[in-house]
Amino acid sequence: MIIGGDFNNKCRNLLLRAAEQSGFQSGVSLNVEDLNSNLNYSRKEIAGYLEYLKDRNFILLSSIGGPLLYGHIELTRKGIVKAKELLSD
């Protein structure tokens, strides 16, 4: 659970990074380890943020496993819309 509102800065940064890496396109498979390369979130932390984003239908978890618990994600159309909203905030 994310404390302190709908989005905290770390979750915001993760969604924006994913949107940028996908070229703001839904359905593009993104490697979680690559997403986390500069963010440096712990395994537990990134897993929690990914679950949070999945529960809000912003991402799809397309494979489970790997060093960060989830190997790949895809942004949904709703996730792209949210990322664009975050950019304009």
PDB file of N, CA and C in Angstrom:
ATOM      1  N   MET A   1       0.836  -1.181   0.000  1.00  0.00           N
ATOM      2  CA  MET A   1       0.000   0.000   0.000  1.00  0.00           C
ATOM      3  C   MET A   1       0.883   1.247   0.000  1.00  0.00           C
ATOM      4  N   ILE A   2       0.473   2.218  -0.785  1.00  0.00           N
ATOM      5  CA  ILE A   2       1.200   3.467  -0.878  1.00  0.00           C
ATOM      6  C   ILE A   2       0.588   4.435   0.128  1.00  0.00           C
ATOM      7  N   ILE A   3       1.415   4.972   0.997  1.00  0.00           N
ATOM      8  CA  ILE A   3       0.932   5.863   2.043  1.00  0.00           C
ATOM      9  C   ILE A   3       1.137   7.311   1.607  1.00  0.00           C
ATOM     10  N   GLY A   4       0.161   8.152   1.922  1.00  0.00           N
ATOM     11  CA  GLY A   4       0.323   9.571   1.652  1.00  0.00           C
ATOM     12  C   GLY A   4      -0.323  10.041   0.375  1.00  0.00           C
ATOM     13  N   GLY A   5      -1.376   9.388  -0.046  1.00  0.00           N
ATOM     14  CA  GLY A   5      -2.086   9.854  -1.227  1.00  0.00           C
ATOM     15  C   GLY A   5      -2.063   8.829  -2.330  1.00  0.00           C
ATOM     16  N   ASP A   6      -2.584   9.226  -3.459  1.00  0.00           N
ATOM     17  CA  ASP A   6      -2.725   8.320  -4.586  1.00  0.00           C
ATOM     18  C   ASP A   6      -1.369   7.888  -5.142  1.00  0.00           C
ATOM     19  N   PHE A   7      -0.419   8.794  -5.191  1.00  0.00           N
ATOM     20  CA  PHE A   7       0.895   8.485  -5.732  1.00  0.00           C
ATOM     21  C   PHE A   7       1.957   9.161  -4.890  1.00  0.00           C
ATOM     22  N   ASN A   8       3.003   8.405  -4.568  1.00  0.00           N
ATOM     23  CA  ASN A   8       4.147   9.067  -3.955  1.00  0.00           C
ATOM     24  C   ASN A   8       5.185   9.290  -5.054  1.00  0.00           C
ATOM     25  N   ASN A   9       6.245   9.988  -4.759  1.00  0.00           N
ATOM     26  CA  ASN A   9       7.242  10.340  -5.781  1.00  0.00           C
ATOM     27  C   ASN A   9       7.906   9.127  -6.406  1.00  0.00           C
ATOM     28  N   LYS A  10       8.177   8.099  -5.622  1.00  0.00           N
ATOM     29  CA  LYS A  10       8.847   6.923  -6.175  1.00  0.00           C
ATOM     30  C   LYS A  10       7.948   6.187  -7.160  1.00  0.00           C
ATOM     31  N   CYS A  11       6.682   6.065  -6.823  1.00  0.00           N
ATOM     32  CA  CYS A  11       5.733   5.406  -7.726  1.00  0.00           C
ATOM     33  C   CYS A  11       5.560   6.245  -8.996  1.00  0.00           C
ATOM     34  N   ARG A  12       5.478   7.544  -8.820  1.00  0.00           N
ATOM     35  CA  ARG A  12       5.371   8.477  -9.950  1.00  0.00           C
ATOM     36  C   ARG A  12       6.577   8.318 -10.874  1.00  0.00           C
ATOM     37  N   ASN A  13       7.777   8.287 -10.297  1.00  0.00           N
ATOM     38  CA  ASN A  13       8.994   8.138 -11.094  1.00  0.00           C
ATOM     39  C   ASN A  13       9.011   6.822 -11.860  1.00  0.00           C
ATOM     40  N   LEU A  14       8.555   5.751 -11.239  1.00  0.00           N
ATOM     41  CA  LEU A  14       8.512   4.445 -11.896  1.00  0.00           C
ATOM     42  C   LEU A  14       7.559   4.470 -13.087  1.00  0.00           C
ATOM     43  N   LEU A  15       6.361   5.005 -12.904  1.00  0.00           N
ATOM     44  CA  LEU A  15       5.393   5.057 -13.998  1.00  0.00           C
ATOM     45  C   LEU A  15       5.891   5.957 -15.129  1.00  0.00           C
ATOM     46  N   LEU A  16       6.466   7.090 -14.795  1.00  0.00           N
ATOM     47  CA  LEU A  16       6.996   7.981 -15.831  1.00  0.00           C
ATOM     48  C   LEU A  16       8.159   7.352 -16.586  1.00  0.00           C
ATOM     49  N   ARG A  17       9.043   6.676 -15.877  1.00  0.00           N
ATOM     50  CA  ARG A  17      10.166   5.998 -16.542  1.00  0.00           C
ATOM     51  C   ARG A  17       9.652   4.934 -17.498  1.00  0.00           C
ATOM     52  N   ALA A  18       8.655   4.168 -17.052  1.00  0.00           N
ATOM     53  CA  ALA A  18       8.079   3.131 -17.908  1.00  0.00           C
ATOM     54  C   ALA A  18       7.436   3.753 -19.149  1.00  0.00           C
ATOM     55  N   ALA A  19       6.717   4.849 -18.958  1.00  0.00           N
ATOM     56  CA  ALA A  19       6.076   5.519 -20.090  1.00  0.00           C
ATOM     57  C   ALA A  19       7.117   6.032 -21.081  1.00  0.00           C
ATOM     58  N   GLU A  20       8.175   6.634 -20.567  1.00  0.00           N
ATOM     59  CA  GLU A  20       9.238   7.142 -21.434  1.00  0.00           C
ATOM     60  C   GLU A  20       9.907   6.006 -22.197  1.00  0.00           C
ATOM     61  N   GLN A  21      10.216   4.901 -21.504  1.00  0.00           N
ATOM     62  CA  GLN A  21      10.886   3.777 -22.163  1.00  0.00           C
ATOM     63  C   GLN A  21       9.989   3.119 -23.200  1.00  0.00           C
ATOM     64  N   SER A  22       8.679   3.207 -23.029  1.00  0.00           N
ATOM     65  CA  SER A  22       7.757   2.609 -23.996  1.00  0.00           C
ATOM     66  C   SER A  22       7.428   3.570 -25.131  1.00  0.00           C
ATOM     67  N   GLY A  23       7.942   4.796 -25.067  1.00  0.00           N
ATOM     68  CA  GLY A  23       7.584   5.798 -26.055  1.00  0.00           C
ATOM     69  C   GLY A  23       6.130   6.233 -25.918  1.00  0.00           C
ATOM     70  N   PHE A  24       5.622   6.150 -24.675  1.00  0.00           N
ATOM     71  CA  PHE A  24       4.230   6.479 -24.366  1.00  0.00           C
ATOM     72  C   PHE A  24       3.265   5.637 -25.212  1.00  0.00           C
ATOM     73  N   GLN A  25       3.619   4.344 -25.360  1.00  0.00           N
ATOM     74  CA  GLN A  25       2.792   3.387 -26.096  1.00  0.00           C
ATOM     75  C   GLN A  25       2.376   2.266 -25.148  1.00  0.00           C
ATOM     76  N   SER A  26       1.116   1.893 -25.169  1.00  0.00           N
ATOM     77  CA  SER A  26       0.679   0.755 -24.362  1.00  0.00           C
ATOM     78  C   SER A  26       1.066  -0.534 -25.068  1.00  0.00           C
ATOM     79  N   GLY A  27       1.186  -1.602 -24.294  1.00  0.00           N
ATOM     80  CA  GLY A  27       1.476  -2.919 -24.846  1.00  0.00           C
ATOM     81  C   GLY A  27       2.926  -3.212 -25.162  1.00  0.00           C
ATOM     82  N   VAL A  28       3.826  -2.309 -24.845  1.00  0.00           N
ATOM     83  CA  VAL A  28       5.258  -2.513 -25.094  1.00  0.00           C
ATOM     84  C   VAL A  28       5.853  -3.224 -23.882  1.00  0.00           C
ATOM     85  N   SER A  29       6.517  -4.351 -24.116  1.00  0.00           N
ATOM     86  CA  SER A  29       7.122  -5.109 -23.024  1.00  0.00           C
ATOM     87  C   SER A  29       8.372  -4.392 -22.531  1.00  0.00           C
ATOM     88  N   LEU A  30       8.410  -4.144 -21.214  1.00  0.00           N
ATOM     89  CA  LEU A  30       9.531  -3.444 -20.585  1.00  0.00           C
ATOM     90  C   LEU A  30      10.172  -4.332 -19.530  1.00  0.00           C
ATOM     91  N   ASN A  31      11.472  -4.383 -19.538  1.00  0.00           N
ATOM     92  CA  ASN A  31      12.224  -5.164 -18.567  1.00  0.00           C
ATOM     93  C   ASN A  31      12.292  -4.401 -17.242  1.00  0.00           C
ATOM     94  N   VAL A  32      11.846  -5.043 -16.173  1.00  0.00           N
ATOM     95  CA  VAL A  32      11.799  -4.388 -14.857  1.00  0.00           C
ATOM     96  C   VAL A  32      13.200  -4.027 -14.373  1.00  0.00           C
ATOM     97  N   GLU A  33      14.156  -4.874 -14.634  1.00  0.00           N
ATOM     98  CA  GLU A  33      15.527  -4.573 -14.202  1.00  0.00           C
ATOM     99  C   GLU A  33      16.052  -3.316 -14.898  1.00  0.00           C
ATOM    100  N   ASP A  34      15.731  -3.154 -16.182  1.00  0.00           N
ATOM    101  CA  ASP A  34      16.127  -1.944 -16.902  1.00  0.00           C
ATOM    102  C   ASP A  34      15.419  -0.714 -16.334  1.00  0.00           C
ATOM    103  N   LEU A  35      14.129  -0.853 -16.031  1.00  0.00           N
ATOM    104  CA  LEU A  35      13.374   0.261 -15.448  1.00  0.00           C
ATOM    105  C   LEU A  35      13.995   0.717 -14.140  1.00  0.00           C
ATOM    106  N   ASN A  36      14.475  -0.232 -13.376  1.00  0.00           N
ATOM    107  CA  ASN A  36      15.005   0.052 -12.048  1.00  0.00           C
ATOM    108  C   ASN A  36      16.489   0.438 -12.061  1.00  0.00           C
ATOM    109  N   SER A  37      17.111   0.436 -13.220  1.00  0.00           N
ATOM    110  CA  SER A  37      18.565   0.629 -13.278  1.00  0.00           C
ATOM    111  C   SER A  37      19.034   1.931 -12.627  1.00  0.00           C
ATOM    112  N   ASN A  38      18.333   3.030 -12.824  1.00  0.00           N
ATOM    113  CA  ASN A  38      18.729   4.290 -12.203  1.00  0.00           C
ATOM    114  C   ASN A  38      17.897   4.626 -10.975  1.00  0.00           C
ATOM    115  N   LEU A  39      16.770   3.977 -10.826  1.00  0.00           N
ATOM    116  CA  LEU A  39      15.914   4.248  -9.669  1.00  0.00           C
ATOM    117  C   LEU A  39      16.464   3.591  -8.408  1.00  0.00           C
ATOM    118  N   ASN A  40      17.056   2.412  -8.565  1.00  0.00           N
ATOM    119  CA  ASN A  40      17.684   1.667  -7.475  1.00  0.00           C
ATOM    120  C   ASN A  40      16.737   1.369  -6.307  1.00  0.00           C
ATOM    121  N   TYR A  41      15.507   0.976  -6.616  1.00  0.00           N
ATOM    122  CA  TYR A  41      14.567   0.561  -5.579  1.00  0.00           C
ATOM    123  C   TYR A  41      14.912  -0.857  -5.140  1.00  0.00           C
ATOM    124  N   SER A  42      14.640  -1.177  -3.897  1.00  0.00           N
ATOM    125  CA  SER A  42      14.866  -2.539  -3.424  1.00  0.00           C
ATOM    126  C   SER A  42      13.844  -3.471  -4.071  1.00  0.00           C
ATOM    127  N   ARG A  43      14.111  -4.777  -4.004  1.00  0.00           N
ATOM    128  CA  ARG A  43      13.171  -5.763  -4.572  1.00  0.00           C
ATOM    129  C   ARG A  43      11.778  -5.610  -3.978  1.00  0.00           C
ATOM    130  N   LYS A  44      11.731  -5.497  -2.667  1.00  0.00           N
ATOM    131  CA  LYS A  44      10.442  -5.387  -1.981  1.00  0.00           C
ATOM    132  C   LYS A  44       9.724  -4.097  -2.387  1.00  0.00           C
ATOM    133  N   GLU A  45      10.476  -3.031  -2.472  1.00  0.00           N
ATOM    134  CA  GLU A  45       9.911  -1.732  -2.811  1.00  0.00           C
ATOM    135  C   GLU A  45       9.330  -1.734  -4.229  1.00  0.00           C
ATOM    136  N   ILE A  46      10.117  -2.190  -5.207  1.00  0.00           N
ATOM    137  CA  ILE A  46       9.631  -2.165  -6.586  1.00  0.00           C
ATOM    138  C   ILE A  46       8.475  -3.140  -6.771  1.00  0.00           C
ATOM    139  N   ALA A  47       8.525  -4.275  -6.088  1.00  0.00           N
ATOM    140  CA  ALA A  47       7.406  -5.226  -6.173  1.00  0.00           C
ATOM    141  C   ALA A  47       6.128  -4.574  -5.648  1.00  0.00           C
ATOM    142  N   GLY A  48       6.225  -3.835  -4.569  1.00  0.00           N
ATOM    143  CA  GLY A  48       5.063  -3.148  -4.009  1.00  0.00           C
ATOM    144  C   GLY A  48       4.511  -2.102  -4.959  1.00  0.00           C
ATOM    145  N   TYR A  49       5.400  -1.337  -5.589  1.00  0.00           N
ATOM    146  CA  TYR A  49       4.949  -0.316  -6.542  1.00  0.00           C
ATOM    147  C   TYR A  49       4.320  -0.955  -7.769  1.00  0.00           C
ATOM    148  N   LEU A  50       4.903  -2.041  -8.243  1.00  0.00           N
ATOM    149  CA  LEU A  50       4.323  -2.729  -9.401  1.00  0.00           C
ATOM    150  C   LEU A  50       2.941  -3.290  -9.072  1.00  0.00           C
ATOM    151  N   GLU A  51       2.792  -3.853  -7.889  1.00  0.00           N
ATOM    152  CA  GLU A  51       1.481  -4.354  -7.474  1.00  0.00           C
ATOM    153  C   GLU A  51       0.469  -3.212  -7.386  1.00  0.00           C
ATOM    154  N   TYR A  52       0.885  -2.096  -6.848  1.00  0.00           N
ATOM    155  CA  TYR A  52       0.028  -0.919  -6.729  1.00  0.00           C
ATOM    156  C   TYR A  52      -0.432  -0.455  -8.113  1.00  0.00           C
ATOM    157  N   LEU A  53       0.512  -0.361  -9.058  1.00  0.00           N
ATOM    158  CA  LEU A  53       0.178   0.071 -10.413  1.00  0.00           C
ATOM    159  C   LEU A  53      -0.718  -0.948 -11.114  1.00  0.00           C
ATOM    160  N   LYS A  54      -0.459  -2.225 -10.878  1.00  0.00           N
ATOM    161  CA  LYS A  54      -1.295  -3.281 -11.471  1.00  0.00           C
ATOM    162  C   LYS A  54      -2.709  -3.219 -10.910  1.00  0.00           C
ATOM    163  N   ASP A  55      -2.845  -3.036  -9.610  1.00  0.00           N
ATOM    164  CA  ASP A  55      -4.164  -2.982  -8.976  1.00  0.00           C
ATOM    165  C   ASP A  55      -5.002  -1.820  -9.495  1.00  0.00           C
ATOM    166  N   ARG A  56      -4.356  -0.788  -9.989  1.00  0.00           N
ATOM    167  CA  ARG A  56      -5.070   0.373 -10.540  1.00  0.00           C
ATOM    168  C   ARG A  56      -5.183   0.310 -12.054  1.00  0.00           C
ATOM    169  N   ASN A  57      -4.826  -0.848 -12.618  1.00  0.00           N
ATOM    170  CA  ASN A  57      -4.900  -1.102 -14.063  1.00  0.00           C
ATOM    171  C   ASN A  57      -4.036  -0.158 -14.895  1.00  0.00           C
ATOM    172  N   PHE A  58      -2.895   0.262 -14.336  1.00  0.00           N
ATOM    173  CA  PHE A  58      -1.957   1.090 -15.080  1.00  0.00           C
ATOM    174  C   PHE A  58      -0.920   0.239 -15.810  1.00  0.00           C
ATOM    175  N   ILE A  59      -0.685  -0.979 -15.307  1.00  0.00           N
ATOM    176  CA  ILE A  59       0.282  -1.885 -15.944  1.00  0.00           C
ATOM    177  C   ILE A  59      -0.264  -3.306 -15.940  1.00  0.00           C
ATOM    178  N   LEU A  60       0.341  -4.125 -16.795  1.00  0.00           N
ATOM    179  CA  LEU A  60       0.143  -5.572 -16.779  1.00  0.00           C
ATOM    180  C   LEU A  60       1.470  -6.197 -16.414  1.00  0.00           C
ATOM    181  N   LEU A  61       1.425  -7.184 -15.546  1.00  0.00           N
ATOM    182  CA  LEU A  61       2.634  -7.942 -15.202  1.00  0.00           C
ATOM    183  C   LEU A  61       2.666  -9.126 -16.152  1.00  0.00           C
ATOM    184  N   SER A  62       3.583  -9.094 -17.118  1.00  0.00           N
ATOM    185  CA  SER A  62       3.559 -10.107 -18.161  1.00  0.00           C
ATOM    186  C   SER A  62       4.454 -11.305 -17.893  1.00  0.00           C
ATOM    187  N   SER A  63       5.349 -11.202 -16.945  1.00  0.00           N
ATOM    188  CA  SER A  63       6.133 -12.376 -16.563  1.00  0.00           C
ATOM    189  C   SER A  63       6.565 -12.227 -15.121  1.00  0.00           C
ATOM    190  N   ILE A  64       6.596 -13.335 -14.440  1.00  0.00           N
ATOM    191  CA  ILE A  64       6.993 -13.325 -13.032  1.00  0.00           C
ATOM    192  C   ILE A  64       8.294 -14.099 -12.917  1.00  0.00           C
ATOM    193  N   GLY A  65       9.204 -13.562 -12.144  1.00  0.00           N
ATOM    194  CA  GLY A  65      10.488 -14.209 -11.940  1.00  0.00           C
ATOM    195  C   GLY A  65      11.607 -13.216 -12.167  1.00  0.00           C
ATOM    196  N   GLY A  66      12.784 -13.680 -12.105  1.00  0.00           N
ATOM    197  CA  GLY A  66      13.915 -12.799 -12.319  1.00  0.00           C
ATOM    198  C   GLY A  66      14.356 -12.137 -11.025  1.00  0.00           C
ATOM    199  N   PRO A  67      15.391 -11.321 -11.122  1.00  0.00           N
ATOM    200  CA  PRO A  67      15.999 -10.752  -9.929  1.00  0.00           C
ATOM    201  C   PRO A  67      15.105  -9.775  -9.171  1.00  0.00           C
ATOM    202  N   LEU A  68      14.115  -9.198  -9.826  1.00  0.00           N
ATOM    203  CA  LEU A  68      13.257  -8.222  -9.156  1.00  0.00           C
ATOM    204  C   LEU A  68      11.833  -8.749  -8.991  1.00  0.00           C
ATOM    205  N   LEU A  69      11.654 -10.031  -8.960  1.00  0.00           N
ATOM    206  CA  LEU A  69      10.366 -10.706  -8.796  1.00  0.00           C
ATOM    207  C   LEU A  69       9.522 -10.668 -10.059  1.00  0.00           C
ATOM    208  N   TYR A  70       9.497  -9.559 -10.760  1.00  0.00           N
ATOM    209  CA  TYR A  70       8.755  -9.454 -12.009  1.00  0.00           C
ATOM    210  C   TYR A  70       9.752  -9.175 -13.115  1.00  0.00           C
ATOM    211  N   GLY A  71       9.683  -9.955 -14.175  1.00  0.00           N
ATOM    212  CA  GLY A  71      10.627  -9.790 -15.264  1.00  0.00           C
ATOM    213  C   GLY A  71      10.259  -8.679 -16.221  1.00  0.00           C
ATOM    214  N   HIS A  72       8.979  -8.602 -16.597  1.00  0.00           N
ATOM    215  CA  HIS A  72       8.529  -7.620 -17.582  1.00  0.00           C
ATOM    216  C   HIS A  72       7.159  -7.072 -17.224  1.00  0.00           C
ATOM    217  N   ILE A  73       6.921  -5.837 -17.652  1.00  0.00           N
ATOM    218  CA  ILE A  73       5.603  -5.218 -17.495  1.00  0.00           C
ATOM    219  C   ILE A  73       5.205  -4.584 -18.827  1.00  0.00           C
ATOM    220  N   GLU A  74       3.939  -4.275 -18.950  1.00  0.00           N
ATOM    221  CA  GLU A  74       3.425  -3.494 -20.071  1.00  0.00           C
ATOM    222  C   GLU A  74       2.511  -2.429 -19.500  1.00  0.00           C
ATOM    223  N   LEU A  75       2.594  -1.230 -20.021  1.00  0.00           N
ATOM    224  CA  LEU A  75       1.656  -0.188 -19.614  1.00  0.00           C
ATOM    225  C   LEU A  75       0.341  -0.383 -20.350  1.00  0.00           C
ATOM    226  N   THR A  76      -0.737  -0.104 -19.676  1.00  0.00           N
ATOM    227  CA  THR A  76      -2.051  -0.125 -20.302  1.00  0.00           C
ATOM    228  C   THR A  76      -2.340   1.269 -20.857  1.00  0.00           C
ATOM    229  N   ARG A  77      -3.423   1.397 -21.605  1.00  0.00           N
ATOM    230  CA  ARG A  77      -3.817   2.728 -22.077  1.00  0.00           C
ATOM    231  C   ARG A  77      -4.070   3.658 -20.895  1.00  0.00           C
ATOM    232  N   LYS A  78      -4.692   3.113 -19.853  1.00  0.00           N
ATOM    233  CA  LYS A  78      -4.961   3.900 -18.650  1.00  0.00           C
ATOM    234  C   LYS A  78      -3.641   4.362 -18.006  1.00  0.00           C
ATOM    235  N   GLY A  79      -2.626   3.516 -18.022  1.00  0.00           N
ATOM    236  CA  GLY A  79      -1.316   3.874 -17.480  1.00  0.00           C
ATOM    237  C   GLY A  79      -0.651   4.983 -18.272  1.00  0.00           C
ATOM    238  N   ILE A  80      -0.810   4.948 -19.593  1.00  0.00           N
ATOM    239  CA  ILE A  80      -0.251   6.005 -20.441  1.00  0.00           C
ATOM    240  C   ILE A  80      -0.953   7.331 -20.150  1.00  0.00           C
ATOM    241  N   VAL A  81      -2.279   7.289 -20.011  1.00  0.00           N
ATOM    242  CA  VAL A  81      -3.038   8.503 -19.690  1.00  0.00           C
ATOM    243  C   VAL A  81      -2.583   9.078 -18.354  1.00  0.00           C
ATOM    244  N   LYS A  82      -2.402   8.200 -17.356  1.00  0.00           N
ATOM    245  CA  LYS A  82      -1.954   8.656 -16.031  1.00  0.00           C
ATOM    246  C   LYS A  82      -0.559   9.273 -16.112  1.00  0.00           C
ATOM    247  N   ALA A  83       0.333   8.651 -16.868  1.00  0.00           N
ATOM    248  CA  ALA A  83       1.693   9.181 -17.000  1.00  0.00           C
ATOM    249  C   ALA A  83       1.664  10.569 -17.636  1.00  0.00           C
ATOM    250  N   LYS A  84       0.837  10.754 -18.645  1.00  0.00           N
ATOM    251  CA  LYS A  84       0.730  12.065 -19.283  1.00  0.00           C
ATOM    252  C   LYS A  84       0.165  13.094 -18.310  1.00  0.00           C
ATOM    253  N   GLU A  85      -0.786  12.688 -17.476  1.00  0.00           N
ATOM    254  CA  GLU A  85      -1.324  13.589 -16.443  1.00  0.00           C
ATOM    255  C   GLU A  85      -0.224  13.999 -15.474  1.00  0.00           C
ATOM    256  N   LEU A  86       0.622  13.025 -15.081  1.00  0.00           N
ATOM    257  CA  LEU A  86       1.703  13.310 -14.144  1.00  0.00           C
ATOM    258  C   LEU A  86       2.715  14.290 -14.747  1.00  0.00           C
ATOM    259  N   LEU A  87       2.942  14.190 -16.041  1.00  0.00           N
ATOM    260  CA  LEU A  87       3.870  15.107 -16.698  1.00  0.00           C
ATOM    261  C   LEU A  87       3.365  16.536 -16.669  1.00  0.00           C
ATOM    262  N   SER A  88       2.055  16.696 -16.741  1.00  0.00           N
ATOM    263  CA  SER A  88       1.492  18.046 -16.782  1.00  0.00           C
ATOM    264  C   SER A  88       1.272  18.642 -15.386  1.00  0.00           C
ATOM    265  N   ASP A  89       1.472  17.825 -14.338  1.00  0.00           N
ATOM    266  CA  ASP A  89       1.320  18.338 -12.957  1.00  0.00           C
ATOM    267  C   ASP A  89       2.453  19.244 -12.562  1.00  0.00           C
TER     268      ASP A  89
END
